[in-house]
Amino acid sequence: MNALRLKLWMALAFVLFMVAVPGVVANHAVKVVRAQHARSEASAQSLSAFQRLAVLGYTLQQERYTDPASFRQNRALYIDGVRSHVTNAERYLEAEIRMIGETPLKRKTRATSIQKEMQQREVLKKIGASLERSLRGDKPDAVWEDLVFEAIRIEEREAKEYQRASIETFQGVIDTMTLTVTVVGICGLLLVFWGQRQVVRPLGNLWRGTHAMAEGDYEKRVPVVGTTEFRTIAESFNAMASRVDASAQALKRTNEELERAVEKRTKELGATNRSLERSNRLRQQFLADASHELRTPLSIMRSEAEITLRNQGAPTEDLRSALDRIVRLSELMAEMIDDMLNLARAEEPMLHTSIEPVDAVAAVRDSLEDFHRVIEADGGSITLSKAPKSLIVEGDESRLKQVIRIIIDNAVCYSTNPPQVDCTIDASDGHAVITITDHGDGIPADDLPYLFQRFRRGSRRMGSGQGLGLSIARSITEAMGGTISLSSRVNVGTVVTINLPLMPARAPADGKSQ
């Protein structure tokens, strides 16, 4: 593998070399051509400056003879014009000298060129001085004419030389690039041919072999070709394919036998488990619902009957009131039985509610009255400490009473001491807020998140039932568009809060607390 790695690195280096050489050559050639072209343009600008200066001189000399009065009047202005033209020409010569210094030339050639341009600059100063003397004096000075024509001739020769050098350099660049590209192309073709035979073809064989093995064709073998490394890999691959083929055949036979046995047993167990799970689930769920929901009204009915029987001299009004509560509780039991049938048919209780205007205060009072005699008989108390005269909510009266009974029943059952229950009802933010507080044993914090789940009870279990009460209470409350929440502290008590939406355009009437 080290030999193959070395070969690949060498091939990469050769490719980089082939790419870099034309780039370096082209970059240098472009710089040279650009410098020659710039020098040619600078020489042309200097030539143009000398030509404009000559034209200006002849124009002024002609005006001296054609309009002497005007010439004498504007002489100072003409001298300034001559100086301006000399300054421009000098600036072009300075730019040409600076450009020669930046051009990649031999040192001797650069020094000679700069010296020539400095001589041209001295000649330019002489031309300007001679032309000024001619303009200031009465007789023309012809020295500037010979100097300016000599300068023009020199600049024309330089411009032609620079253009010819630029063309020759560009042609040399083209020849060099052609040769370089030809050599690089030939070397590239040789490299591609070598890579095709020594690398690409063996890799293609390996790819086809692995693809065939991935498709399940374990009989596929790859040709042993290419470099030493690729031949070694091909031989190892063929040996591996032979072993995998033998193992796959054995595994296939074993799997077929296991699949037949497992399929037969799975069908038998699946049918049996489905039947048992369905029967057990329905039985447990129905018994749990029945044991919980029927316990509370039956307990109240029994307590009402026992208290009434013990009081043999009870007035007829008390007897009628007790019988009236027993009738209401029997109706509640009938509704509960319907609910339990719904609970037995689905995972969540599908309770039927009839949404209509309900006086929440009256519903709370009636529910508390059902527990009043039972709790006081145990030495406890239940009070409605705060309530307005009326609060009309959107809900179902019987279902609302059922929720309150579930909460009060939990407060009674989960208290080791005589139960102390306090209820309040008030209006807040468009909702009727019913709060039921007990001073019982409380609920551990770890149990609070699970109390509204079906079949979940607190760890401090005291009463009977299967943990359905709060789940049913939440379902009823949400069906009426409200919410129910619970907070508790161990050995302090529990607070349950019920929020129900008030009827629109209904203002609660403030009443006296009971």
Protein backbone atom coordinates (compact mmCIF):
# COMPACT_ATOMS: atom_id res chain seq x y z
CA MET A 1 0.00 0.00 0.00
CA ASN A 2 2.94 2.36 0.64
CA ALA A 3 4.10 1.90 -2.96
CA LEU A 4 0.61 2.69 -4.24
CA ARG A 5 0.41 5.76 -2.01
CA LEU A 6 3.76 6.98 -3.35
CA LYS A 7 2.62 6.47 -6.94
CA LEU A 8 -0.58 8.42 -6.30
CA TRP A 9 1.34 11.29 -4.70
CA MET A 10 3.72 11.38 -7.66
CA ALA A 11 0.82 11.42 -10.09
CA LEU A 12 -0.80 14.26 -8.15
CA ALA A 13 2.44 16.24 -8.13
CA PHE A 14 2.85 15.74 -11.89
CA VAL A 15 -0.72 16.94 -12.51
CA LEU A 16 -0.13 20.03 -10.39
CA PHE A 17 3.11 20.67 -12.28
CA MET A 18 1.36 20.40 -15.65
CA VAL A 19 -1.30 22.84 -14.49
CA ALA A 20 1.14 25.28 -12.85
CA VAL A 21 3.74 25.57 -15.66
CA PRO A 22 1.39 27.02 -18.32
CA GLY A 23 -0.01 29.38 -15.71
CA VAL A 24 3.41 30.68 -14.67
CA VAL A 25 4.54 31.09 -18.28
CA ALA A 26 1.35 32.86 -19.26
CA ASN A 27 1.48 35.16 -16.23
CA HIS A 28 5.05 36.25 -17.01
CA ALA A 29 4.28 36.72 -20.69
CA VAL A 30 1.22 38.81 -19.95
CA LYS A 31 3.26 41.06 -17.66
CA VAL A 32 5.92 41.60 -20.35
CA VAL A 33 3.36 42.29 -23.08
CA ARG A 34 1.47 44.67 -20.80
CA ALA A 35 4.69 46.56 -19.96
CA GLN A 36 5.68 46.87 -23.64
CA HIS A 37 2.22 48.10 -24.54
CA ALA A 38 2.27 50.63 -21.69
CA ARG A 39 5.68 51.93 -22.80
CA SER A 40 4.40 52.25 -26.35
CA GLU A 41 1.40 54.29 -25.15
CA ALA A 42 3.61 56.50 -22.97
CA SER A 43 5.98 57.15 -25.89
CA ALA A 44 2.99 58.00 -28.09
CA GLN A 45 1.78 60.53 -25.48
CA SER A 46 5.23 62.13 -25.32
CA LEU A 47 5.34 62.29 -29.15
CA SER A 48 1.93 63.93 -29.16
CA ALA A 49 3.08 66.50 -26.57
CA PHE A 50 6.11 67.46 -28.71
CA GLN A 51 3.92 67.72 -31.81
CA ARG A 52 1.43 70.00 -30.04
CA LEU A 53 4.31 72.16 -28.81
CA ALA A 54 5.65 72.48 -32.40
CA VAL A 55 2.21 73.38 -33.72
CA LEU A 56 1.82 75.98 -30.98
CA GLY A 57 5.21 77.52 -31.80
CA TYR A 58 4.50 77.81 -35.51
CA THR A 59 1.04 79.23 -34.83
CA LEU A 60 2.43 81.95 -32.59
CA GLN A 61 5.21 82.80 -35.07
CA GLN A 62 2.64 83.13 -37.81
CA GLU A 63 0.49 85.43 -35.68
CA ARG A 64 3.59 87.60 -34.98
CA TYR A 65 3.66 88.48 -38.71
CA THR A 66 -0.05 88.51 -39.51
CA ASP A 67 -1.33 90.49 -36.49
CA PRO A 68 1.58 92.13 -34.65
CA ALA A 69 -0.68 94.32 -32.48
CA SER A 70 -2.69 91.42 -31.17
CA PHE A 71 0.50 89.39 -30.70
CA ARG A 72 2.10 92.08 -28.55
CA GLN A 73 -1.10 92.47 -26.55
CA ASN A 74 -1.42 88.70 -25.83
CA ARG A 75 2.31 87.92 -25.55
CA ALA A 76 2.16 87.14 -21.82
CA LEU A 77 -0.78 84.81 -22.38
CA TYR A 78 1.06 83.02 -25.19
CA ILE A 79 4.14 82.55 -23.01
CA ASP A 80 1.96 80.97 -20.31
CA GLY A 81 0.53 78.63 -22.97
CA VAL A 82 4.03 77.59 -24.00
CA ARG A 83 4.97 76.89 -20.39
CA SER A 84 1.80 74.83 -19.91
CA HIS A 85 2.60 72.70 -22.98
CA VAL A 86 6.17 72.21 -21.76
CA THR A 87 4.89 71.13 -18.31
CA ASN A 88 2.51 68.58 -19.87
CA ALA A 89 5.22 67.17 -22.07
CA GLU A 90 7.57 66.98 -19.07
CA ARG A 91 4.89 65.10 -17.09
CA TYR A 92 4.56 62.54 -19.90
CA LEU A 93 8.33 62.07 -19.95
CA GLU A 94 8.38 61.57 -16.15
CA ALA A 95 5.63 58.96 -16.47
CA GLU A 96 7.61 57.20 -19.20
CA ILE A 97 10.75 57.17 -17.00
CA ARG A 98 8.75 55.73 -14.08
CA MET A 99 7.23 53.06 -16.31
CA ILE A 100 10.67 52.04 -17.63
CA GLY A 101 11.78 51.60 -14.00
CA GLU A 102 8.87 49.22 -13.32
CA THR A 103 9.31 47.19 -16.54
CA PRO A 104 11.05 43.76 -16.11
CA LEU A 105 14.15 44.58 -18.24
CA LYS A 106 17.82 43.92 -17.90
CA ARG A 107 19.62 46.41 -15.68
CA LYS A 108 21.82 47.82 -18.45
CA THR A 109 18.94 48.18 -20.87
CA ARG A 110 16.81 49.90 -18.21
CA ALA A 111 19.62 52.36 -17.37
CA THR A 112 20.17 53.23 -21.05
CA SER A 113 16.46 53.82 -21.64
CA ILE A 114 16.13 56.02 -18.57
CA GLN A 115 19.19 58.06 -19.64
CA LYS A 116 17.67 58.66 -23.08
CA GLU A 117 14.43 59.88 -21.57
CA MET A 118 16.28 62.23 -19.22
CA GLN A 119 18.13 63.65 -22.25
CA GLN A 120 14.74 64.18 -23.92
CA ARG A 121 13.61 66.04 -20.80
CA GLU A 122 16.66 68.36 -21.04
CA VAL A 123 15.92 68.95 -24.71
CA LEU A 124 12.32 69.80 -23.78
CA LYS A 125 13.53 72.47 -21.36
CA LYS A 126 15.79 73.97 -24.05
CA ILE A 127 12.86 74.02 -26.50
CA GLY A 128 10.70 75.86 -23.98
CA ALA A 129 13.44 78.40 -23.19
CA SER A 130 14.18 79.05 -26.88
CA LEU A 131 10.50 79.47 -27.71
CA GLU A 132 10.03 81.93 -24.82
CA ARG A 133 13.03 84.00 -26.02
CA SER A 134 11.54 84.00 -29.50
CA LEU A 135 8.21 85.27 -28.18
CA ARG A 136 9.75 87.91 -25.93
CA GLY A 137 12.19 89.31 -28.51
CA ASP A 138 11.51 91.24 -31.62
CA LYS A 139 13.28 88.70 -33.79
CA PRO A 140 12.33 85.00 -33.90
CA ASP A 141 14.73 82.42 -32.42
CA ALA A 142 14.95 79.36 -34.73
CA VAL A 143 16.87 77.12 -32.28
CA TRP A 144 13.67 75.61 -30.85
CA GLU A 145 12.58 74.42 -34.29
CA ASP A 146 15.63 72.18 -34.78
CA LEU A 147 15.33 70.85 -31.23
CA VAL A 148 11.64 70.05 -31.42
CA PHE A 149 11.93 68.24 -34.75
CA GLU A 150 14.85 66.20 -33.41
CA ALA A 151 12.80 65.29 -30.31
CA ILE A 152 9.82 64.30 -32.46
CA ARG A 153 12.05 62.09 -34.61
CA ILE A 154 13.47 60.35 -31.50
CA GLU A 155 10.00 59.78 -29.97
CA GLU A 156 8.67 58.38 -33.25
CA ARG A 157 11.57 55.95 -33.41
CA GLU A 158 10.98 54.87 -29.76
CA ALA A 159 7.26 54.38 -30.33
CA LYS A 160 7.95 52.18 -33.37
CA GLU A 161 10.56 50.20 -31.46
CA TYR A 162 8.21 49.64 -28.53
CA GLN A 163 5.38 48.51 -30.83
CA ARG A 164 7.70 46.12 -32.66
CA ALA A 165 9.02 44.75 -29.34
CA SER A 166 5.47 44.30 -28.04
CA ILE A 167 4.47 42.36 -31.17
CA GLU A 168 7.57 40.21 -31.01
CA THR A 169 7.03 39.50 -27.30
CA PHE A 170 3.40 38.58 -27.89
CA GLN A 171 4.39 36.25 -30.71
CA GLY A 172 6.98 34.67 -28.40
CA VAL A 173 4.31 34.16 -25.75
CA ILE A 174 2.06 32.43 -28.26
CA ASP A 175 4.89 30.14 -29.38
CA THR A 176 5.86 29.35 -25.78
CA MET A 177 2.24 28.63 -24.75
CA THR A 178 1.75 26.44 -27.81
CA LEU A 179 4.82 24.41 -27.00
CA THR A 180 3.94 24.20 -23.30
CA VAL A 181 0.35 23.12 -23.97
CA THR A 182 1.56 20.53 -26.46
CA VAL A 183 4.03 19.04 -23.98
CA VAL A 184 1.50 19.13 -21.14
CA GLY A 185 -1.16 17.55 -23.35
CA ILE A 186 1.15 14.69 -24.39
CA CYS A 187 2.18 14.07 -20.77
CA GLY A 188 -1.47 14.23 -19.69
CA LEU A 189 -2.49 11.64 -22.27
CA LEU A 190 0.30 9.36 -21.10
CA LEU A 191 -0.80 9.80 -17.49
CA VAL A 192 -4.43 9.09 -18.37
CA PHE A 193 -3.43 5.97 -20.28
CA TRP A 194 -1.33 4.75 -17.36
CA GLY A 195 -4.10 5.52 -14.85
CA GLN A 196 -6.69 3.78 -17.02
CA ARG A 197 -4.71 0.55 -17.11
CA GLN A 198 -3.21 0.55 -13.63
CA VAL A 199 -5.88 2.24 -11.49
CA VAL A 200 -9.24 2.83 -13.16
CA ARG A 201 -9.69 -0.66 -14.63
CA PRO A 202 -8.87 -2.52 -11.36
CA LEU A 203 -11.12 -0.15 -9.41
CA GLY A 204 -13.97 -0.78 -11.84
CA ASN A 205 -13.53 -4.53 -11.43
CA LEU A 206 -13.63 -4.19 -7.64
CA TRP A 207 -16.70 -1.95 -7.80
CA ARG A 208 -18.57 -4.44 -9.97
CA GLY A 209 -17.57 -7.28 -7.66
CA THR A 210 -18.73 -5.49 -4.49
CA HIS A 211 -21.96 -4.41 -6.19
CA ALA A 212 -22.68 -8.00 -7.21
CA MET A 213 -21.98 -9.18 -3.65
CA ALA A 214 -24.30 -6.49 -2.26
CA GLU A 215 -27.01 -7.77 -4.60
CA GLY A 216 -26.52 -11.30 -3.25
CA ASP A 217 -24.40 -12.75 -6.05
CA TYR A 218 -21.67 -14.39 -3.93
CA GLU A 219 -20.31 -16.36 -6.90
CA LYS A 220 -18.91 -13.24 -8.58
CA ARG A 221 -15.06 -13.05 -8.82
CA VAL A 222 -12.88 -10.12 -9.94
CA PRO A 223 -9.95 -10.34 -12.41
CA VAL A 224 -6.48 -10.12 -10.86
CA VAL A 225 -4.99 -7.16 -12.84
CA GLY A 226 -3.31 -3.82 -12.20
CA THR A 227 -0.49 -2.89 -9.88
CA THR A 228 0.81 -5.18 -7.16
CA GLU A 229 -1.47 -3.61 -4.59
CA PHE A 230 -4.58 -4.01 -6.72
CA ARG A 231 -3.71 -7.62 -7.52
CA THR A 232 -3.36 -8.35 -3.80
CA ILE A 233 -6.70 -6.71 -3.09
CA ALA A 234 -8.39 -8.70 -5.88
CA GLU A 235 -7.03 -12.00 -4.53
CA SER A 236 -8.20 -11.16 -1.00
CA PHE A 237 -11.61 -10.17 -2.33
CA ASN A 238 -12.03 -13.45 -4.21
CA ALA A 239 -11.06 -15.46 -1.10
CA MET A 240 -13.54 -13.49 1.00
CA ALA A 241 -16.30 -13.99 -1.57
CA SER A 242 -15.74 -17.75 -1.48
CA ARG A 243 -16.07 -17.86 2.31
CA VAL A 244 -19.12 -15.59 2.30
CA ASP A 245 -20.77 -17.76 -0.35
CA ALA A 246 -20.33 -20.89 1.76
CA SER A 247 -21.61 -19.17 4.91
CA ALA A 248 -24.58 -17.68 3.07
CA GLN A 249 -25.69 -21.05 1.78
CA ALA A 250 -25.53 -22.58 5.27
CA LEU A 251 -27.32 -19.59 6.81
CA LYS A 252 -30.03 -19.72 4.17
CA ARG A 253 -30.84 -23.34 4.97
CA THR A 254 -30.97 -22.63 8.71
CA ASN A 255 -33.16 -19.56 8.25
CA GLU A 256 -35.67 -21.43 6.14
CA GLU A 257 -36.12 -24.04 8.85
CA LEU A 258 -36.43 -21.43 11.60
CA GLU A 259 -38.89 -19.33 9.63
CA ARG A 260 -41.23 -22.24 9.15
CA ALA A 261 -41.15 -23.11 12.86
CA VAL A 262 -41.52 -19.50 14.03
CA GLU A 263 -44.33 -18.70 11.64
CA LYS A 264 -46.37 -21.65 12.86
CA ARG A 265 -45.82 -20.86 16.53
CA THR A 266 -46.41 -17.12 16.06
CA LYS A 267 -49.80 -17.64 14.52
CA GLU A 268 -50.87 -19.85 17.42
CA LEU A 269 -49.61 -17.49 20.11
CA GLY A 270 -50.97 -14.38 18.38
CA ALA A 271 -54.50 -15.74 18.23
CA THR A 272 -54.39 -16.88 21.85
CA ASN A 273 -52.92 -13.61 23.18
CA ARG A 274 -55.40 -11.41 21.35
CA SER A 275 -58.30 -13.34 22.76
CA LEU A 276 -56.96 -13.34 26.31
CA GLU A 277 -55.97 -9.68 26.30
CA ARG A 278 -59.33 -8.54 25.02
CA SER A 279 -61.26 -10.57 27.57
CA ASN A 280 -59.04 -9.57 30.48
CA ARG A 281 -59.05 -5.89 29.56
CA LEU A 282 -62.79 -5.67 29.27
CA ARG A 283 -63.32 -7.56 32.51
CA GLN A 284 -60.88 -5.54 34.58
CA GLN A 285 -61.95 -2.22 33.18
CA PHE A 286 -65.64 -2.79 33.70
CA LEU A 287 -65.20 -4.14 37.24
CA ALA A 288 -62.94 -1.23 38.14
CA ASP A 289 -65.38 1.35 36.84
CA ALA A 290 -68.29 -0.31 38.57
CA SER A 291 -66.55 -0.69 41.95
CA HIS A 292 -65.51 2.94 42.00
CA GLU A 293 -68.50 4.76 40.60
CA LEU A 294 -71.23 2.83 42.42
CA ARG A 295 -69.48 3.00 45.79
CA THR A 296 -70.06 6.70 46.48
CA PRO A 297 -73.83 6.94 45.82
CA LEU A 298 -74.45 3.59 47.51
CA SER A 299 -72.56 4.74 50.61
CA ILE A 300 -74.57 7.95 50.78
CA MET A 301 -77.88 6.12 50.27
CA ARG A 302 -76.99 3.61 52.98
CA SER A 303 -75.97 6.37 55.39
CA GLU A 304 -79.19 8.29 54.71
CA ALA A 305 -81.27 5.19 55.32
CA GLU A 306 -79.40 4.21 58.52
CA ILE A 307 -79.65 7.71 59.99
CA THR A 308 -83.35 7.90 59.18
CA LEU A 309 -84.07 4.44 60.71
CA ARG A 310 -82.18 5.30 63.91
CA ASN A 311 -84.32 8.41 64.34
CA GLN A 312 -87.70 6.67 64.90
CA GLY A 313 -89.45 9.90 65.81
CA ALA A 314 -88.25 11.87 62.85
CA PRO A 315 -90.74 14.33 61.38
CA THR A 316 -92.40 13.56 58.05
CA GLU A 317 -90.52 16.47 56.44
CA ASP A 318 -87.14 14.94 57.40
CA LEU A 319 -88.22 11.55 56.10
CA ARG A 320 -89.38 13.07 52.83
CA SER A 321 -86.10 14.99 52.48
CA ALA A 322 -84.07 11.81 53.07
CA LEU A 323 -86.16 9.86 50.57
CA ASP A 324 -85.79 12.71 48.08
CA ARG A 325 -81.98 12.51 48.36
CA ILE A 326 -82.12 8.73 47.98
CA VAL A 327 -84.17 9.14 44.78
CA ARG A 328 -81.69 11.68 43.39
CA LEU A 329 -78.79 9.38 44.21
CA SER A 330 -80.53 6.42 42.55
CA GLU A 331 -80.93 8.55 39.41
CA LEU A 332 -77.25 9.42 39.66
CA MET A 333 -76.44 5.69 39.89
CA ALA A 334 -78.39 5.08 36.68
CA GLU A 335 -76.35 7.78 34.93
CA MET A 336 -73.14 6.29 36.29
CA ILE A 337 -74.03 2.87 34.97
CA ASP A 338 -74.50 4.39 31.51
CA ASP A 339 -71.11 6.09 31.83
CA MET A 340 -69.42 2.85 32.87
CA LEU A 341 -70.82 1.11 29.82
CA ASN A 342 -69.22 3.83 27.73
CA LEU A 343 -65.97 3.44 29.67
CA ALA A 344 -65.99 -0.29 28.97
CA ARG A 345 -66.19 0.33 25.20
CA ALA A 346 -63.28 2.74 24.80
CA GLU A 347 -59.93 3.77 26.25
CA GLU A 348 -61.22 7.21 27.36
CA PRO A 349 -64.60 7.94 28.97
CA MET A 350 -67.12 9.14 26.41
CA LEU A 351 -69.49 10.92 28.79
CA HIS A 352 -72.67 12.43 27.42
CA THR A 353 -73.13 16.02 28.46
CA SER A 354 -75.88 18.46 27.62
CA ILE A 355 -74.52 22.01 27.56
CA GLU A 356 -77.06 24.53 28.84
CA PRO A 357 -77.26 27.40 31.35
CA VAL A 358 -76.62 26.08 34.86
CA ASP A 359 -76.58 27.88 38.21
CA ALA A 360 -73.22 26.76 39.57
CA VAL A 361 -73.97 28.09 43.07
CA ALA A 362 -77.14 26.02 43.34
CA ALA A 363 -75.35 22.92 42.04
CA VAL A 364 -72.60 23.33 44.66
CA ARG A 365 -75.15 23.82 47.46
CA ASP A 366 -77.10 20.68 46.45
CA SER A 367 -73.93 18.59 46.24
CA LEU A 368 -72.72 19.74 49.67
CA GLU A 369 -76.16 19.00 51.15
CA ASP A 370 -75.87 15.35 50.04
CA PHE A 371 -72.72 14.94 52.18
CA HIS A 372 -73.77 17.17 55.10
CA ARG A 373 -75.38 14.60 57.37
CA VAL A 374 -72.86 11.87 56.55
CA ILE A 375 -69.80 14.02 57.34
CA GLU A 376 -71.31 15.49 60.51
CA ALA A 377 -72.19 11.98 61.70
CA ASP A 378 -68.44 11.16 61.50
CA GLY A 379 -67.58 14.23 63.57
CA GLY A 380 -66.44 16.37 60.62
CA SER A 381 -67.78 19.46 58.91
CA ILE A 382 -68.50 20.72 55.39
CA THR A 383 -69.19 24.40 54.68
CA LEU A 384 -69.73 26.83 51.82
CA SER A 385 -67.78 29.82 53.13
CA LYS A 386 -68.10 32.14 50.11
CA ALA A 387 -70.65 32.26 47.32
CA PRO A 388 -72.68 34.86 45.40
CA LYS A 389 -76.41 34.49 44.94
CA SER A 390 -76.04 33.02 41.47
CA LEU A 391 -73.44 32.27 38.81
CA ILE A 392 -74.75 31.04 35.46
CA VAL A 393 -72.25 28.84 33.59
CA GLU A 394 -72.37 26.76 30.42
CA GLY A 395 -72.54 23.14 31.46
CA ASP A 396 -74.57 20.13 32.55
CA GLU A 397 -76.05 20.35 36.04
CA SER A 398 -76.02 16.63 36.80
CA ARG A 399 -72.46 16.25 35.51
CA LEU A 400 -71.28 19.25 37.53
CA LYS A 401 -72.77 17.75 40.67
CA GLN A 402 -71.06 14.44 39.84
CA VAL A 403 -67.67 16.22 39.64
CA ILE A 404 -68.19 17.92 43.02
CA ARG A 405 -69.29 14.63 44.63
CA ILE A 406 -66.16 12.87 43.32
CA ILE A 407 -63.89 15.53 44.83
CA ILE A 408 -65.69 15.65 48.20
CA ASP A 409 -65.77 11.85 48.37
CA ASN A 410 -61.98 11.74 47.86
CA ALA A 411 -61.56 14.33 50.62
CA VAL A 412 -63.60 12.15 53.00
CA CYS A 413 -61.91 8.87 52.06
CA TYR A 414 -58.33 10.15 52.21
CA SER A 415 -58.50 11.62 55.70
CA THR A 416 -57.53 9.70 58.85
CA ASN A 417 -59.19 12.37 61.05
CA PRO A 418 -62.80 13.59 60.87
CA PRO A 419 -63.04 15.34 57.48
CA GLN A 420 -62.97 19.14 57.36
CA VAL A 421 -64.13 20.37 53.93
CA ASP A 422 -64.57 24.01 52.89
CA CYS A 423 -65.97 25.21 49.55
CA THR A 424 -65.96 28.63 47.88
CA ILE A 425 -67.29 29.88 44.55
CA ASP A 426 -66.55 33.19 42.89
CA ALA A 427 -66.28 34.84 39.45
CA SER A 428 -62.92 35.73 37.85
CA ASP A 429 -62.00 36.68 34.26
CA GLY A 430 -65.26 35.42 32.78
CA HIS A 431 -65.15 32.09 34.64
CA ALA A 432 -66.81 30.63 37.68
CA VAL A 433 -64.07 29.42 40.04
CA ILE A 434 -65.10 26.60 42.41
CA THR A 435 -62.53 25.81 45.12
CA ILE A 436 -62.84 22.73 47.40
CA THR A 437 -60.32 22.57 50.24
CA ASP A 438 -59.84 19.74 52.71
CA HIS A 439 -57.52 19.52 55.71
CA GLY A 440 -56.80 15.83 55.38
CA ASP A 441 -53.62 13.81 54.96
CA GLY A 442 -52.53 15.42 51.68
CA ILE A 443 -50.90 13.81 48.62
CA PRO A 444 -47.14 13.25 48.09
CA ALA A 445 -45.56 15.46 45.40
CA ASP A 446 -44.43 12.40 43.40
CA ASP A 447 -48.06 11.30 42.94
CA LEU A 448 -49.48 14.67 41.81
CA PRO A 449 -48.59 14.38 38.05
CA TYR A 450 -50.46 11.07 37.74
CA LEU A 451 -53.67 11.69 39.72
CA PHE A 452 -55.77 12.54 36.65
CA GLN A 453 -54.74 9.35 34.80
CA ARG A 454 -57.05 6.37 34.75
CA PHE A 455 -56.32 3.57 37.22
CA ARG A 456 -53.72 5.70 39.02
CA ARG A 457 -53.98 6.36 42.77
CA GLY A 458 -51.74 7.99 45.31
CA SER A 459 -49.23 5.94 47.28
CA ARG A 460 -51.05 6.83 50.57
CA ARG A 461 -54.03 4.71 49.62
CA MET A 462 -56.84 4.44 52.18
CA GLY A 463 -60.11 3.94 50.39
CA SER A 464 -61.30 1.46 47.80
CA GLY A 465 -61.69 1.96 44.07
CA GLN A 466 -59.38 1.83 41.08
CA GLY A 467 -58.33 5.48 40.59
CA LEU A 468 -61.03 6.49 38.11
CA GLY A 469 -62.70 9.36 39.96
CA LEU A 470 -60.40 12.26 39.08
CA SER A 471 -60.05 10.97 35.52
CA ILE A 472 -63.83 11.03 35.10
CA ALA A 473 -64.00 14.46 36.78
CA ARG A 474 -61.50 15.89 34.34
CA SER A 475 -63.33 14.41 31.33
CA ILE A 476 -66.63 15.95 32.48
CA THR A 477 -65.04 19.34 33.21
CA GLU A 478 -63.30 19.51 29.82
CA ALA A 479 -66.51 18.43 28.06
CA MET A 480 -68.16 21.53 29.59
CA GLY A 481 -65.30 23.74 28.34
CA GLY A 482 -63.62 24.13 31.73
CA THR A 483 -60.48 23.03 33.53
CA ILE A 484 -59.69 21.27 36.80
CA SER A 485 -56.43 21.45 38.78
CA LEU A 486 -55.14 20.10 42.06
CA SER A 487 -52.47 21.08 44.58
CA SER A 488 -51.62 19.33 47.81
CA ARG A 489 -49.17 19.18 50.72
CA VAL A 490 -48.67 16.16 52.93
CA ASN A 491 -50.27 16.52 56.41
CA VAL A 492 -51.68 19.93 55.37
CA GLY A 493 -54.45 19.17 52.90
CA THR A 494 -55.55 19.35 49.27
CA VAL A 495 -57.05 22.15 47.16
CA VAL A 496 -59.03 21.35 44.00
CA THR A 497 -59.95 24.26 41.67
CA ILE A 498 -62.61 24.03 38.94
CA ASN A 499 -62.93 26.76 36.28
CA LEU A 500 -66.10 26.89 34.16
CA PRO A 501 -66.95 29.57 31.53
CA LEU A 502 -69.71 31.98 32.50
CA MET A 503 -72.63 32.57 30.19
CA PRO A 504 -72.09 35.68 27.98
CA ALA A 505 -73.60 38.97 29.20
CA ARG A 506 -74.20 37.54 32.63
CA ALA A 507 -72.89 39.50 35.61
CA PRO A 508 -72.60 37.60 38.91
CA ALA A 509 -74.69 38.83 41.79
CA ASP A 510 -72.79 39.41 45.04
CA GLY A 511 -74.30 37.65 47.96
CA LYS A 512 -73.51 36.98 51.56
CA SER A 513 -71.13 34.21 52.44
CA GLN A 514 -72.50 31.21 54.19
